[in-house]
Amino acid sequence: MHKDLKDKGLEILAFPCNQFGSQEPHDAKWIQDFVKKYDVEFPMMEKISVFNKRQHPIYKWLRDNSELKGADMTWNFEKFLLDGKGNIVKYFMTSSDPNACKPDVEKLLAA
């Protein structure tokens, strides 16, 4: 989806985290090298914490200002769709296929 819509304004930011079943134990360089084999073109940010007192401010803001209403995320690969002004438009659970998000993204980009 990113390749199809990046020229229309879609930006995807990925935030690795090791707090979901210890699935991301490696450092930033290893993560960058790993995602290359999946042809990832969007920015892969530094690994951050999404829980406890070390929770990154972006995750606190996302969970407090989305339909999560302050609840913790349940697993990795949860997605938040924001508009060009930084407002949260929609939240997608882990089970949401990224391609299933495409109609919402296209609608937002067309607005």
C-alpha atoms as a PDB file:
ATOM      1  CA  MET A   1       0.000   0.000   0.000  1.00  0.00           C
ATOM      2  CA  HIS A   2       2.808   2.429   0.818  1.00  0.00           C
ATOM      3  CA  LYS A   3       4.280   2.127  -2.681  1.00  0.00           C
ATOM      4  CA  ASP A   4       0.866   2.751  -4.262  1.00  0.00           C
ATOM      5  CA  LEU A   5       0.000   5.800  -2.176  1.00  0.00           C
ATOM      6  CA  LYS A   6       3.229   7.490  -1.120  1.00  0.00           C
ATOM      7  CA  ASP A   7       3.084   9.866  -4.109  1.00  0.00           C
ATOM      8  CA  LYS A   8      -0.399  10.912  -2.952  1.00  0.00           C
ATOM      9  CA  GLY A   9       0.859  11.840   0.505  1.00  0.00           C
ATOM     10  CA  LEU A  10       0.820   8.626   2.552  1.00  0.00           C
ATOM     11  CA  GLU A  11       3.540   8.433   5.191  1.00  0.00           C
ATOM     12  CA  ILE A  12       4.017   5.326   7.305  1.00  0.00           C
ATOM     13  CA  LEU A  13       6.169   5.338  10.423  1.00  0.00           C
ATOM     14  CA  ALA A  14       7.064   2.076  12.146  1.00  0.00           C
ATOM     15  CA  PHE A  15       8.079   1.936  15.805  1.00  0.00           C
ATOM     16  CA  PRO A  16       9.696  -1.401  16.785  1.00  0.00           C
ATOM     17  CA  CYS A  17       9.087  -2.552  20.354  1.00  0.00           C
ATOM     18  CA  ASN A  18      10.262  -5.579  22.307  1.00  0.00           C
ATOM     19  CA  GLN A  19       7.382  -5.571  24.800  1.00  0.00           C
ATOM     20  CA  PHE A  20       5.125  -7.916  22.829  1.00  0.00           C
ATOM     21  CA  GLY A  21       6.376 -11.434  23.449  1.00  0.00           C
ATOM     22  CA  SER A  22      10.015 -10.281  23.135  1.00  0.00           C
ATOM     23  CA  GLN A  23       9.681 -10.418  19.356  1.00  0.00           C
ATOM     24  CA  GLU A  24      12.043  -7.507  18.713  1.00  0.00           C
ATOM     25  CA  PRO A  25      15.133  -8.153  20.874  1.00  0.00           C
ATOM     26  CA  HIS A  26      17.671  -6.762  18.424  1.00  0.00           C
ATOM     27  CA  ASP A  27      19.238  -3.337  18.059  1.00  0.00           C
ATOM     28  CA  ALA A  28      18.294  -0.671  15.502  1.00  0.00           C
ATOM     29  CA  LYS A  29      20.926  -1.707  12.926  1.00  0.00           C
ATOM     30  CA  TRP A  30      19.774  -5.334  12.988  1.00  0.00           C
ATOM     31  CA  ILE A  31      16.147  -4.232  12.569  1.00  0.00           C
ATOM     32  CA  GLN A  32      17.050  -1.976   9.629  1.00  0.00           C
ATOM     33  CA  ASP A  33      18.902  -4.827   7.924  1.00  0.00           C
ATOM     34  CA  PHE A  34      16.087  -7.304   8.618  1.00  0.00           C
ATOM     35  CA  VAL A  35      13.296  -5.209   7.078  1.00  0.00           C
ATOM     36  CA  LYS A  36      15.292  -4.705   3.862  1.00  0.00           C
ATOM     37  CA  LYS A  37      14.378  -8.234   2.763  1.00  0.00           C
ATOM     38  CA  TYR A  38      10.707  -7.219   2.933  1.00  0.00           C
ATOM     39  CA  ASP A  39      11.240  -4.211   0.654  1.00  0.00           C
ATOM     40  CA  VAL A  40      10.177  -1.767   3.378  1.00  0.00           C
ATOM     41  CA  GLU A  41      10.460   1.806   2.131  1.00  0.00           C
ATOM     42  CA  PHE A  42       8.923   3.709   5.022  1.00  0.00           C
ATOM     43  CA  PRO A  43      10.901   5.007   8.013  1.00  0.00           C
ATOM     44  CA  MET A  44      11.727   2.500  10.708  1.00  0.00           C
ATOM     45  CA  MET A  45      12.092   4.492  13.894  1.00  0.00           C
ATOM     46  CA  GLU A  46      14.220   3.600  16.915  1.00  0.00           C
ATOM     47  CA  LYS A  47      12.925   0.859  19.184  1.00  0.00           C
ATOM     48  CA  ILE A  48      10.714   2.312  21.918  1.00  0.00           C
ATOM     49  CA  SER A  49       8.645   1.276  24.943  1.00  0.00           C
ATOM     50  CA  VAL A  50       4.868   1.331  24.750  1.00  0.00           C
ATOM     51  CA  PHE A  51       4.150   0.240  28.334  1.00  0.00           C
ATOM     52  CA  ASN A  52       5.198   1.165  31.866  1.00  0.00           C
ATOM     53  CA  LYS A  53       6.991   4.267  33.098  1.00  0.00           C
ATOM     54  CA  ARG A  54       9.296   4.300  30.042  1.00  0.00           C
ATOM     55  CA  GLN A  55       6.349   4.573  27.653  1.00  0.00           C
ATOM     56  CA  HIS A  56       7.254   6.774  24.728  1.00  0.00           C
ATOM     57  CA  PRO A  57       5.193   9.993  24.609  1.00  0.00           C
ATOM     58  CA  ILE A  58       3.928   9.225  21.078  1.00  0.00           C
ATOM     59  CA  TYR A  59       2.294   6.021  22.309  1.00  0.00           C
ATOM     60  CA  LYS A  60       0.790   7.706  25.328  1.00  0.00           C
ATOM     61  CA  TRP A  61      -0.675  10.357  23.027  1.00  0.00           C
ATOM     62  CA  LEU A  62      -1.953   7.769  20.513  1.00  0.00           C
ATOM     63  CA  ARG A  63      -3.681   5.630  23.113  1.00  0.00           C
ATOM     64  CA  ASP A  64      -5.087   8.615  25.038  1.00  0.00           C
ATOM     65  CA  ASN A  65      -6.457  10.310  21.912  1.00  0.00           C
ATOM     66  CA  SER A  66      -7.762   7.327  19.976  1.00  0.00           C
ATOM     67  CA  GLU A  67     -10.691   5.003  20.536  1.00  0.00           C
ATOM     68  CA  LEU A  68      -8.428   3.119  22.956  1.00  0.00           C
ATOM     69  CA  LYS A  69      -9.363   5.888  25.435  1.00  0.00           C
ATOM     70  CA  GLY A  70      -6.167   5.363  27.434  1.00  0.00           C
ATOM     71  CA  ALA A  71      -6.188   1.554  27.379  1.00  0.00           C
ATOM     72  CA  ASP A  72      -2.997  -0.280  26.487  1.00  0.00           C
ATOM     73  CA  MET A  73      -2.452  -1.769  23.086  1.00  0.00           C
ATOM     74  CA  THR A  74      -2.936  -5.511  23.062  1.00  0.00           C
ATOM     75  CA  TRP A  75      -0.249  -6.641  20.608  1.00  0.00           C
ATOM     76  CA  ASN A  76       2.215  -5.362  18.048  1.00  0.00           C
ATOM     77  CA  PHE A  77       1.298  -4.097  14.568  1.00  0.00           C
ATOM     78  CA  GLU A  78      -1.600  -1.990  15.774  1.00  0.00           C
ATOM     79  CA  LYS A  79      -2.118   0.903  13.399  1.00  0.00           C
ATOM     80  CA  PHE A  80      -3.252   4.515  13.755  1.00  0.00           C
ATOM     81  CA  LEU A  81      -4.400   6.588  10.792  1.00  0.00           C
ATOM     82  CA  LEU A  82      -3.759  10.311  11.201  1.00  0.00           C
ATOM     83  CA  ASP A  83      -4.710  13.166   8.923  1.00  0.00           C
ATOM     84  CA  GLY A  84      -2.313  15.831   7.664  1.00  0.00           C
ATOM     85  CA  LYS A  85      -2.960  17.950  10.753  1.00  0.00           C
ATOM     86  CA  GLY A  86      -2.049  15.154  13.165  1.00  0.00           C
ATOM     87  CA  ASN A  87      -5.571  14.229  14.207  1.00  0.00           C
ATOM     88  CA  ILE A  88      -6.284  10.550  14.772  1.00  0.00           C
ATOM     89  CA  VAL A  89      -8.853   9.435  12.209  1.00  0.00           C
ATOM     90  CA  LYS A  90      -9.005   5.721  12.927  1.00  0.00           C
ATOM     91  CA  TYR A  91      -7.415   2.958  14.957  1.00  0.00           C
ATOM     92  CA  PHE A  92      -6.837  -0.531  13.550  1.00  0.00           C
ATOM     93  CA  MET A  93      -6.203  -3.578  15.718  1.00  0.00           C
ATOM     94  CA  THR A  94      -3.348  -5.997  15.062  1.00  0.00           C
ATOM     95  CA  SER A  95      -5.707  -8.362  13.266  1.00  0.00           C
ATOM     96  CA  SER A  96      -6.482  -5.689  10.650  1.00  0.00           C
ATOM     97  CA  ASP A  97      -4.706  -6.514   7.420  1.00  0.00           C
ATOM     98  CA  PRO A  98      -2.854  -3.388   6.265  1.00  0.00           C
ATOM     99  CA  ASN A  99      -4.539  -3.727   2.862  1.00  0.00           C
ATOM    100  CA  ALA A 100      -7.944  -3.621   4.565  1.00  0.00           C
ATOM    101  CA  CYS A 101      -6.981  -0.132   5.779  1.00  0.00           C
ATOM    102  CA  LYS A 102      -6.484   1.077   2.214  1.00  0.00           C
ATOM    103  CA  PRO A 103     -10.045   2.391   1.604  1.00  0.00           C
ATOM    104  CA  ASP A 104      -9.805   4.538   4.738  1.00  0.00           C
ATOM    105  CA  VAL A 105      -6.394   5.816   3.690  1.00  0.00           C
ATOM    106  CA  GLU A 106      -7.561   6.587   0.133  1.00  0.00           C
ATOM    107  CA  LYS A 107     -10.619   8.417   1.461  1.00  0.00           C
ATOM    108  CA  LEU A 108      -8.416  10.530   3.718  1.00  0.00           C
ATOM    109  CA  LEU A 109      -5.956  11.321   0.936  1.00  0.00           C
ATOM    110  CA  ALA A 110      -8.785  12.333  -1.411  1.00  0.00           C
ATOM    111  CA  ALA A 111     -10.207  14.802   1.101  1.00  0.00           C
END
